[in-house]
Amino acid sequence: MEARMILEGKAWRYGPNVDTDVIIPARYLTSYDPEELGKHCLEDLDPEFSSRVQPGDMVVAEENFGSGSSREHAPLALKGCGVSCVIASSFARIFYRNAINVGLPILECPEAVADIETGHRLRVDLVKGTIENLSTGKVFQATPFPESVREIIASGGLVEYVRRRLEERGGPASR
């Protein structure tokens, strides 16, 4: 399995209504390559983001993160630049599902968002649903993912999860 269940990284804090066109501008939708998309992640909101973000870092945002167009490119771009998790006060439902489908962990926790600033160090336990702000010492509780969703995330997304399950059963993916 690909993803770890305990994540640590630096927070990158943004406000409300970060839509999919801000996460990855439409002019880059000619690619499905996560690394290529990652080079342009959030560039219209924070032009230096993709060059400064480090693998494992986390995006923290206020309400309605991922609103707008239904495009898998948005969570792929976040993964492609190394973001390990997104924590927001709330997510647009289609972004929420697309994030799970591509294996990007996301947690809703308005209390944590209110406490976190850019540069804070965070630790997230995806099994327990805890978000620990290592910079302030505060711990917050988000709703943990059920085991089935954790398996999809750990597999790297829905396609890899299904491929692995088919191989385990001797199905078409194993031929």
N, C-alpha and C. Protein backbone atom coordinates (compact mmCIF):
# COMPACT_ATOMS: atom_id res chain seq x y z
N MET A 1 0.83 -1.18 0.00
CA MET A 1 0.00 0.00 0.00
C MET A 1 0.87 1.24 0.00
N GLU A 2 0.36 2.30 -0.62
CA GLU A 2 1.16 3.48 -0.92
C GLU A 2 1.16 4.52 0.19
N ALA A 3 0.01 4.94 0.66
CA ALA A 3 -0.08 6.07 1.59
C ALA A 3 0.16 5.64 3.04
N ARG A 4 0.76 6.56 3.78
CA ARG A 4 0.94 6.35 5.22
C ARG A 4 -0.31 6.83 5.93
N MET A 5 -0.54 6.32 7.11
CA MET A 5 -1.73 6.71 7.87
C MET A 5 -1.43 7.79 8.90
N ILE A 6 -0.14 8.06 9.16
CA ILE A 6 0.24 9.19 10.01
C ILE A 6 1.09 10.11 9.16
N LEU A 7 0.62 11.33 9.02
CA LEU A 7 1.26 12.30 8.14
C LEU A 7 1.82 13.46 8.96
N GLU A 8 2.95 13.99 8.54
CA GLU A 8 3.51 15.18 9.19
C GLU A 8 4.00 16.13 8.12
N GLY A 9 3.77 17.40 8.35
CA GLY A 9 4.23 18.40 7.41
C GLY A 9 3.87 19.80 7.84
N LYS A 10 4.29 20.74 7.03
CA LYS A 10 4.05 22.15 7.27
C LYS A 10 2.71 22.56 6.67
N ALA A 11 2.03 23.48 7.34
CA ALA A 11 0.73 23.97 6.87
C ALA A 11 0.90 25.14 5.92
N TRP A 12 0.05 25.14 4.89
CA TRP A 12 -0.10 26.25 3.96
C TRP A 12 -1.55 26.69 4.07
N ARG A 13 -1.80 27.85 4.65
CA ARG A 13 -3.15 28.29 5.01
C ARG A 13 -3.74 29.21 3.94
N TYR A 14 -5.00 28.92 3.57
CA TYR A 14 -5.74 29.74 2.61
C TYR A 14 -7.14 30.00 3.14
N GLY A 15 -7.84 30.92 2.53
CA GLY A 15 -9.16 31.34 2.98
C GLY A 15 -10.29 30.49 2.42
N PRO A 16 -11.48 31.07 2.37
CA PRO A 16 -12.66 30.33 1.89
C PRO A 16 -12.74 30.30 0.36
N ASN A 17 -13.56 29.38 -0.12
CA ASN A 17 -13.94 29.31 -1.54
C ASN A 17 -12.77 29.16 -2.50
N VAL A 18 -11.78 28.34 -2.14
CA VAL A 18 -10.70 28.03 -3.07
C VAL A 18 -11.28 27.01 -4.05
N ASP A 19 -11.56 27.48 -5.27
CA ASP A 19 -12.23 26.60 -6.22
C ASP A 19 -11.24 25.82 -7.08
N THR A 20 -11.77 24.89 -7.85
CA THR A 20 -10.91 24.00 -8.63
C THR A 20 -10.11 24.76 -9.69
N ASP A 21 -10.64 25.88 -10.19
CA ASP A 21 -9.89 26.66 -11.17
C ASP A 21 -8.73 27.41 -10.51
N VAL A 22 -8.82 27.65 -9.22
CA VAL A 22 -7.70 28.24 -8.49
C VAL A 22 -6.68 27.15 -8.14
N ILE A 23 -7.17 25.96 -7.79
CA ILE A 23 -6.26 24.86 -7.46
C ILE A 23 -5.42 24.49 -8.68
N ILE A 24 -6.06 24.31 -9.83
CA ILE A 24 -5.33 24.08 -11.07
C ILE A 24 -6.07 24.81 -12.20
N PRO A 25 -5.50 25.92 -12.67
CA PRO A 25 -6.15 26.71 -13.71
C PRO A 25 -6.46 25.88 -14.96
N ALA A 26 -7.58 26.20 -15.60
CA ALA A 26 -8.07 25.44 -16.75
C ALA A 26 -7.04 25.37 -17.88
N ARG A 27 -6.17 26.35 -17.99
CA ARG A 27 -5.20 26.35 -19.09
C ARG A 27 -4.21 25.17 -19.01
N TYR A 28 -4.18 24.47 -17.86
CA TYR A 28 -3.27 23.33 -17.70
C TYR A 28 -3.99 21.98 -17.76
N LEU A 29 -5.24 21.97 -18.14
CA LEU A 29 -6.01 20.73 -18.14
C LEU A 29 -5.72 19.83 -19.33
N THR A 30 -4.67 20.11 -20.06
CA THR A 30 -4.28 19.26 -21.17
C THR A 30 -3.48 18.04 -20.70
N SER A 31 -3.14 17.99 -19.42
CA SER A 31 -2.36 16.90 -18.87
C SER A 31 -3.10 16.22 -17.73
N TYR A 32 -2.86 14.93 -17.58
CA TYR A 32 -3.34 14.19 -16.41
C TYR A 32 -2.17 13.77 -15.53
N ASP A 33 -0.97 14.20 -15.89
CA ASP A 33 0.22 13.82 -15.14
C ASP A 33 0.28 14.63 -13.84
N PRO A 34 0.19 13.96 -12.68
CA PRO A 34 0.18 14.69 -11.41
C PRO A 34 1.38 15.62 -11.22
N GLU A 35 2.57 15.18 -11.62
CA GLU A 35 3.75 16.03 -11.42
C GLU A 35 3.69 17.28 -12.30
N GLU A 36 3.23 17.13 -13.53
CA GLU A 36 3.09 18.28 -14.42
C GLU A 36 2.04 19.25 -13.87
N LEU A 37 0.89 18.71 -13.44
CA LEU A 37 -0.15 19.54 -12.85
C LEU A 37 0.35 20.23 -11.58
N GLY A 38 1.13 19.49 -10.79
CA GLY A 38 1.66 20.03 -9.54
C GLY A 38 2.52 21.26 -9.72
N LYS A 39 3.17 21.39 -10.87
CA LYS A 39 4.01 22.56 -11.14
C LYS A 39 3.19 23.85 -11.20
N HIS A 40 1.88 23.70 -11.39
CA HIS A 40 1.01 24.87 -11.55
C HIS A 40 -0.04 24.97 -10.44
N CYS A 41 0.08 24.13 -9.45
CA CYS A 41 -0.91 24.08 -8.37
C CYS A 41 -0.96 25.41 -7.62
N LEU A 42 -2.15 25.95 -7.50
CA LEU A 42 -2.43 27.19 -6.76
C LEU A 42 -1.68 28.41 -7.29
N GLU A 43 -1.16 28.35 -8.52
CA GLU A 43 -0.30 29.45 -8.97
C GLU A 43 -1.01 30.79 -9.11
N ASP A 44 -2.31 30.80 -9.36
CA ASP A 44 -3.02 32.08 -9.47
C ASP A 44 -3.35 32.67 -8.10
N LEU A 45 -3.33 31.85 -7.08
CA LEU A 45 -3.58 32.30 -5.71
C LEU A 45 -2.27 32.59 -4.98
N ASP A 46 -1.28 31.73 -5.19
CA ASP A 46 0.00 31.81 -4.50
C ASP A 46 1.09 31.38 -5.50
N PRO A 47 1.60 32.33 -6.29
CA PRO A 47 2.53 31.98 -7.37
C PRO A 47 3.77 31.20 -6.94
N GLU A 48 4.17 31.30 -5.70
CA GLU A 48 5.37 30.61 -5.21
C GLU A 48 5.07 29.24 -4.60
N PHE A 49 3.79 28.89 -4.47
CA PHE A 49 3.41 27.67 -3.75
C PHE A 49 4.14 26.44 -4.28
N SER A 50 4.02 26.15 -5.56
CA SER A 50 4.56 24.88 -6.08
C SER A 50 6.08 24.80 -5.97
N SER A 51 6.76 25.93 -5.90
CA SER A 51 8.23 25.88 -5.77
C SER A 51 8.66 25.83 -4.30
N ARG A 52 7.77 26.15 -3.38
CA ARG A 52 8.12 26.16 -1.95
C ARG A 52 7.56 24.99 -1.17
N VAL A 53 6.45 24.41 -1.62
CA VAL A 53 5.84 23.30 -0.90
C VAL A 53 6.80 22.11 -0.90
N GLN A 54 6.83 21.40 0.21
CA GLN A 54 7.69 20.23 0.35
C GLN A 54 6.83 18.97 0.44
N PRO A 55 7.35 17.83 0.00
CA PRO A 55 6.58 16.59 0.13
C PRO A 55 6.14 16.38 1.57
N GLY A 56 4.86 16.11 1.75
CA GLY A 56 4.30 15.90 3.08
C GLY A 56 3.58 17.11 3.63
N ASP A 57 3.82 18.28 3.06
CA ASP A 57 3.13 19.48 3.54
C ASP A 57 1.62 19.35 3.33
N MET A 58 0.86 20.19 4.04
CA MET A 58 -0.59 20.11 4.02
C MET A 58 -1.20 21.47 3.70
N VAL A 59 -2.28 21.44 2.94
CA VAL A 59 -3.04 22.64 2.66
C VAL A 59 -4.15 22.72 3.69
N VAL A 60 -4.33 23.90 4.26
CA VAL A 60 -5.39 24.16 5.24
C VAL A 60 -6.21 25.32 4.69
N ALA A 61 -7.53 25.15 4.66
CA ALA A 61 -8.37 26.19 4.07
C ALA A 61 -9.69 26.30 4.83
N GLU A 62 -10.33 27.40 4.62
CA GLU A 62 -11.62 27.64 5.27
C GLU A 62 -12.71 26.89 4.51
N GLU A 63 -13.93 27.38 4.54
CA GLU A 63 -15.06 26.63 3.99
C GLU A 63 -15.07 26.60 2.46
N ASN A 64 -15.73 25.54 1.96
CA ASN A 64 -16.04 25.37 0.54
C ASN A 64 -14.81 25.14 -0.32
N PHE A 65 -13.83 24.41 0.19
CA PHE A 65 -12.63 24.12 -0.59
C PHE A 65 -13.00 23.18 -1.73
N GLY A 66 -12.51 23.49 -2.93
CA GLY A 66 -12.72 22.62 -4.08
C GLY A 66 -14.03 22.81 -4.79
N SER A 67 -14.67 23.95 -4.58
CA SER A 67 -15.93 24.22 -5.29
C SER A 67 -15.63 24.47 -6.77
N GLY A 68 -16.67 24.52 -7.56
CA GLY A 68 -16.50 24.82 -8.98
C GLY A 68 -16.61 23.57 -9.83
N SER A 69 -15.79 23.52 -10.86
CA SER A 69 -15.85 22.44 -11.84
C SER A 69 -15.53 21.09 -11.22
N SER A 70 -16.16 20.07 -11.76
CA SER A 70 -15.89 18.71 -11.33
C SER A 70 -14.71 18.18 -12.11
N ARG A 71 -13.51 18.35 -11.55
CA ARG A 71 -12.32 17.89 -12.27
C ARG A 71 -11.39 17.17 -11.31
N GLU A 72 -10.99 15.98 -11.71
CA GLU A 72 -10.02 15.22 -10.92
C GLU A 72 -8.65 15.88 -10.95
N HIS A 73 -8.43 16.77 -11.89
CA HIS A 73 -7.14 17.45 -11.99
C HIS A 73 -6.78 18.19 -10.70
N ALA A 74 -7.78 18.72 -9.99
CA ALA A 74 -7.50 19.52 -8.79
C ALA A 74 -6.81 18.69 -7.70
N PRO A 75 -7.40 17.57 -7.25
CA PRO A 75 -6.67 16.77 -6.26
C PRO A 75 -5.40 16.15 -6.82
N LEU A 76 -5.37 15.84 -8.11
CA LEU A 76 -4.14 15.32 -8.72
C LEU A 76 -3.02 16.35 -8.66
N ALA A 77 -3.35 17.62 -8.90
CA ALA A 77 -2.33 18.68 -8.84
C ALA A 77 -1.78 18.81 -7.43
N LEU A 78 -2.67 18.75 -6.43
CA LEU A 78 -2.21 18.82 -5.04
C LEU A 78 -1.27 17.66 -4.71
N LYS A 79 -1.67 16.46 -5.09
CA LYS A 79 -0.79 15.30 -4.87
C LYS A 79 0.52 15.45 -5.64
N GLY A 80 0.42 15.95 -6.87
CA GLY A 80 1.58 16.06 -7.72
C GLY A 80 2.65 17.00 -7.22
N CYS A 81 2.27 17.98 -6.41
CA CYS A 81 3.29 18.89 -5.86
C CYS A 81 3.71 18.48 -4.45
N GLY A 82 3.20 17.34 -3.98
CA GLY A 82 3.68 16.80 -2.71
C GLY A 82 2.76 16.98 -1.53
N VAL A 83 1.60 17.60 -1.71
CA VAL A 83 0.66 17.78 -0.61
C VAL A 83 0.19 16.41 -0.13
N SER A 84 0.29 16.17 1.17
CA SER A 84 -0.09 14.86 1.72
C SER A 84 -1.52 14.83 2.22
N CYS A 85 -2.13 16.00 2.46
CA CYS A 85 -3.46 16.05 3.07
C CYS A 85 -4.00 17.47 2.93
N VAL A 86 -5.32 17.57 2.85
CA VAL A 86 -5.98 18.88 2.89
C VAL A 86 -6.92 18.87 4.08
N ILE A 87 -6.84 19.91 4.88
CA ILE A 87 -7.72 20.09 6.03
C ILE A 87 -8.51 21.36 5.76
N ALA A 88 -9.83 21.27 5.83
CA ALA A 88 -10.65 22.45 5.56
C ALA A 88 -11.86 22.47 6.49
N SER A 89 -12.45 23.65 6.60
CA SER A 89 -13.69 23.77 7.37
C SER A 89 -14.81 22.99 6.70
N SER A 90 -14.83 23.02 5.35
CA SER A 90 -15.77 22.20 4.58
C SER A 90 -15.25 22.08 3.16
N PHE A 91 -15.73 21.04 2.48
CA PHE A 91 -15.33 20.76 1.10
C PHE A 91 -16.56 20.74 0.21
N ALA A 92 -16.38 21.12 -1.05
CA ALA A 92 -17.41 20.87 -2.04
C ALA A 92 -17.49 19.35 -2.19
N ARG A 93 -18.69 18.84 -2.27
CA ARG A 93 -18.89 17.37 -2.29
C ARG A 93 -18.18 16.70 -3.45
N ILE A 94 -18.19 17.27 -4.65
CA ILE A 94 -17.55 16.62 -5.79
C ILE A 94 -16.03 16.58 -5.59
N PHE A 95 -15.45 17.63 -5.02
CA PHE A 95 -14.01 17.61 -4.73
C PHE A 95 -13.71 16.53 -3.70
N TYR A 96 -14.55 16.42 -2.69
CA TYR A 96 -14.35 15.41 -1.65
C TYR A 96 -14.24 14.03 -2.28
N ARG A 97 -15.18 13.69 -3.15
CA ARG A 97 -15.18 12.37 -3.79
C ARG A 97 -14.00 12.21 -4.73
N ASN A 98 -13.69 13.24 -5.51
CA ASN A 98 -12.54 13.16 -6.41
C ASN A 98 -11.24 12.98 -5.64
N ALA A 99 -11.11 13.64 -4.49
CA ALA A 99 -9.90 13.49 -3.68
C ALA A 99 -9.75 12.03 -3.23
N ILE A 100 -10.81 11.44 -2.73
CA ILE A 100 -10.75 10.03 -2.32
C ILE A 100 -10.40 9.17 -3.53
N ASN A 101 -11.03 9.44 -4.67
CA ASN A 101 -10.80 8.63 -5.87
C ASN A 101 -9.35 8.65 -6.33
N VAL A 102 -8.62 9.75 -6.09
CA VAL A 102 -7.22 9.81 -6.49
C VAL A 102 -6.27 9.53 -5.31
N GLY A 103 -6.84 9.23 -4.13
CA GLY A 103 -6.01 8.86 -2.98
C GLY A 103 -5.44 10.03 -2.21
N LEU A 104 -6.10 11.18 -2.23
CA LEU A 104 -5.66 12.35 -1.46
C LEU A 104 -6.49 12.45 -0.19
N PRO A 105 -5.89 12.25 0.98
CA PRO A 105 -6.65 12.38 2.22
C PRO A 105 -7.11 13.81 2.47
N ILE A 106 -8.36 13.95 2.90
CA ILE A 106 -8.91 15.26 3.23
C ILE A 106 -9.73 15.12 4.51
N LEU A 107 -9.63 16.12 5.37
CA LEU A 107 -10.34 16.09 6.64
C LEU A 107 -11.08 17.40 6.86
N GLU A 108 -12.32 17.31 7.28
CA GLU A 108 -13.10 18.49 7.66
C GLU A 108 -12.99 18.70 9.16
N CYS A 109 -12.52 19.89 9.54
CA CYS A 109 -12.40 20.20 10.96
C CYS A 109 -12.26 21.71 11.13
N PRO A 110 -13.39 22.43 11.24
CA PRO A 110 -13.33 23.89 11.38
C PRO A 110 -12.52 24.35 12.59
N GLU A 111 -12.55 23.60 13.67
CA GLU A 111 -11.81 23.98 14.88
C GLU A 111 -10.31 23.96 14.63
N ALA A 112 -9.83 22.95 13.92
CA ALA A 112 -8.41 22.88 13.60
C ALA A 112 -8.01 24.02 12.67
N VAL A 113 -8.85 24.27 11.66
CA VAL A 113 -8.56 25.35 10.70
C VAL A 113 -8.42 26.68 11.43
N ALA A 114 -9.28 26.93 12.41
CA ALA A 114 -9.23 28.19 13.16
C ALA A 114 -7.92 28.35 13.92
N ASP A 115 -7.26 27.25 14.25
CA ASP A 115 -6.03 27.28 15.05
C ASP A 115 -4.75 27.29 14.21
N ILE A 116 -4.84 26.89 12.95
CA ILE A 116 -3.65 26.65 12.14
C ILE A 116 -3.32 27.86 11.27
N GLU A 117 -2.05 28.21 11.26
CA GLU A 117 -1.52 29.28 10.42
C GLU A 117 -0.45 28.70 9.49
N THR A 118 -0.18 29.40 8.41
CA THR A 118 0.90 28.98 7.51
C THR A 118 2.20 28.84 8.30
N GLY A 119 2.89 27.75 8.06
CA GLY A 119 4.16 27.50 8.74
C GLY A 119 4.05 26.60 9.95
N HIS A 120 2.86 26.45 10.51
CA HIS A 120 2.70 25.54 11.64
C HIS A 120 3.02 24.12 11.20
N ARG A 121 3.59 23.35 12.11
CA ARG A 121 3.87 21.93 11.86
C ARG A 121 2.67 21.11 12.33
N LEU A 122 2.24 20.17 11.49
CA LEU A 122 1.06 19.38 11.78
C LEU A 122 1.37 17.89 11.75
N ARG A 123 0.61 17.15 12.54
CA ARG A 123 0.63 15.68 12.49
C ARG A 123 -0.82 15.23 12.39
N VAL A 124 -1.11 14.41 11.39
CA VAL A 124 -2.46 13.91 11.17
C VAL A 124 -2.44 12.39 11.25
N ASP A 125 -3.34 11.85 12.05
CA ASP A 125 -3.52 10.41 12.14
C ASP A 125 -4.82 10.07 11.41
N LEU A 126 -4.70 9.47 10.23
CA LEU A 126 -5.88 9.20 9.42
C LEU A 126 -6.76 8.09 9.99
N VAL A 127 -6.19 7.21 10.80
CA VAL A 127 -6.98 6.14 11.42
C VAL A 127 -7.86 6.73 12.52
N LYS A 128 -7.27 7.56 13.36
CA LYS A 128 -8.02 8.16 14.48
C LYS A 128 -8.77 9.42 14.08
N GLY A 129 -8.35 10.06 13.00
CA GLY A 129 -8.96 11.32 12.59
C GLY A 129 -8.47 12.51 13.39
N THR A 130 -7.30 12.37 14.02
CA THR A 130 -6.79 13.48 14.83
C THR A 130 -5.86 14.38 14.02
N ILE A 131 -5.94 15.65 14.34
CA ILE A 131 -5.09 16.67 13.73
C ILE A 131 -4.37 17.35 14.89
N GLU A 132 -3.07 17.18 14.94
CA GLU A 132 -2.28 17.77 16.02
C GLU A 132 -1.46 18.93 15.45
N ASN A 133 -1.66 20.11 16.03
CA ASN A 133 -0.87 21.26 15.66
C ASN A 133 0.37 21.23 16.55
N LEU A 134 1.47 20.76 16.02
CA LEU A 134 2.69 20.63 16.81
C LEU A 134 3.24 21.99 17.23
N SER A 135 2.85 23.05 16.53
CA SER A 135 3.32 24.40 16.86
C SER A 135 2.58 25.00 18.05
N THR A 136 1.31 24.62 18.25
CA THR A 136 0.54 25.16 19.38
C THR A 136 0.29 24.12 20.46
N GLY A 137 0.51 22.84 20.14
CA GLY A 137 0.26 21.77 21.10
C GLY A 137 -1.20 21.35 21.18
N LYS A 138 -2.05 21.91 20.35
CA LYS A 138 -3.48 21.57 20.40
C LYS A 138 -3.78 20.38 19.49
N VAL A 139 -4.75 19.57 19.92
CA VAL A 139 -5.18 18.40 19.15
C VAL A 139 -6.67 18.54 18.85
N PHE A 140 -7.03 18.24 17.63
CA PHE A 140 -8.42 18.37 17.17
C PHE A 140 -8.90 17.04 16.62
N GLN A 141 -10.21 16.83 16.71
CA GLN A 141 -10.81 15.58 16.25
C GLN A 141 -11.67 15.82 15.01
N ALA A 142 -11.28 15.21 13.91
CA ALA A 142 -12.11 15.18 12.70
C ALA A 142 -12.76 13.80 12.66
N THR A 143 -13.74 13.64 11.82
CA THR A 143 -14.35 12.33 11.65
C THR A 143 -13.37 11.45 10.88
N PRO A 144 -12.96 10.33 11.47
CA PRO A 144 -12.01 9.47 10.75
C PRO A 144 -12.69 8.77 9.57
N PHE A 145 -11.90 8.44 8.58
CA PHE A 145 -12.41 7.68 7.45
C PHE A 145 -12.73 6.26 7.87
N PRO A 146 -13.78 5.67 7.31
CA PRO A 146 -14.00 4.24 7.54
C PRO A 146 -12.86 3.44 6.91
N GLU A 147 -12.69 2.23 7.34
CA GLU A 147 -11.59 1.39 6.86
C GLU A 147 -11.59 1.27 5.33
N SER A 148 -12.75 1.14 4.72
CA SER A 148 -12.81 0.99 3.26
C SER A 148 -12.23 2.20 2.55
N VAL A 149 -12.49 3.40 3.05
CA VAL A 149 -11.93 4.61 2.43
C VAL A 149 -10.43 4.69 2.71
N ARG A 150 -10.01 4.31 3.89
CA ARG A 150 -8.56 4.29 4.19
C ARG A 150 -7.83 3.34 3.25
N GLU A 151 -8.46 2.22 2.90
CA GLU A 151 -7.84 1.27 1.97
C GLU A 151 -7.70 1.89 0.58
N ILE A 152 -8.69 2.65 0.14
CA ILE A 152 -8.60 3.33 -1.15
C ILE A 152 -7.46 4.34 -1.13
N ILE A 153 -7.38 5.14 -0.07
CA ILE A 153 -6.32 6.14 0.06
C ILE A 153 -4.95 5.45 0.11
N ALA A 154 -4.83 4.40 0.92
CA ALA A 154 -3.56 3.70 1.06
C ALA A 154 -3.12 3.06 -0.26
N SER A 155 -4.07 2.70 -1.10
CA SER A 155 -3.75 2.10 -2.40
C SER A 155 -3.32 3.13 -3.43
N GLY A 156 -3.52 4.40 -3.13
CA GLY A 156 -3.17 5.46 -4.07
C GLY A 156 -4.35 5.91 -4.90
N GLY A 157 -5.54 5.46 -4.55
CA GLY A 157 -6.74 5.89 -5.27
C GLY A 157 -7.61 4.70 -5.64
N LEU A 158 -8.78 5.00 -6.16
CA LEU A 158 -9.77 3.98 -6.47
C LEU A 158 -9.32 3.02 -7.56
N VAL A 159 -8.68 3.53 -8.61
CA VAL A 159 -8.25 2.65 -9.69
C VAL A 159 -7.24 1.62 -9.18
N GLU A 160 -6.24 2.08 -8.43
CA GLU A 160 -5.24 1.15 -7.89
C GLU A 160 -5.86 0.19 -6.88
N TYR A 161 -6.80 0.66 -6.10
CA TYR A 161 -7.50 -0.20 -5.13
C TYR A 161 -8.23 -1.33 -5.86
N VAL A 162 -8.97 -0.99 -6.90
CA VAL A 162 -9.72 -2.01 -7.65
C VAL A 162 -8.75 -2.96 -8.36
N ARG A 163 -7.69 -2.42 -8.94
CA ARG A 163 -6.69 -3.26 -9.61
C ARG A 163 -6.10 -4.27 -8.62
N ARG A 164 -5.74 -3.80 -7.44
CA ARG A 164 -5.16 -4.69 -6.41
C ARG A 164 -6.16 -5.75 -5.99
N ARG A 165 -7.41 -5.36 -5.79
CA ARG A 165 -8.44 -6.32 -5.37
C ARG A 165 -8.67 -7.39 -6.45
N LEU A 166 -8.66 -6.97 -7.71
CA LEU A 166 -8.83 -7.94 -8.80
C LEU A 166 -7.66 -8.90 -8.87
N GLU A 167 -6.46 -8.38 -8.68
CA GLU A 167 -5.27 -9.25 -8.69
C GLU A 167 -5.31 -10.26 -7.55
N GLU A 168 -5.74 -9.81 -6.38
CA GLU A 168 -5.86 -10.71 -5.22
C GLU A 168 -6.83 -11.84 -5.49
N ARG A 169 -7.83 -11.58 -6.31
CA ARG A 169 -8.86 -12.58 -6.60
C ARG A 169 -8.58 -13.32 -7.90
N GLY A 170 -7.43 -13.05 -8.52
CA GLY A 170 -7.09 -13.72 -9.76
C GLY A 170 -7.91 -13.25 -10.94
N GLY A 171 -8.40 -12.03 -10.86
CA GLY A 171 -9.26 -11.46 -11.90
C GLY A 171 -8.49 -10.90 -13.07
N PRO A 172 -9.16 -10.15 -13.92
CA PRO A 172 -8.59 -9.63 -15.17
C PRO A 172 -7.32 -8.82 -14.99
N ALA A 173 -7.18 -8.11 -13.90
CA ALA A 173 -5.99 -7.27 -13.71
C ALA A 173 -4.74 -8.10 -13.53
N SER A 174 -4.88 -9.39 -13.19
CA SER A 174 -3.72 -10.23 -12.95
C SER A 174 -3.26 -10.91 -14.24
N ARG A 175 -3.98 -10.75 -15.33
CA ARG A 175 -3.62 -11.42 -16.60
C ARG A 175 -2.74 -10.57 -17.44
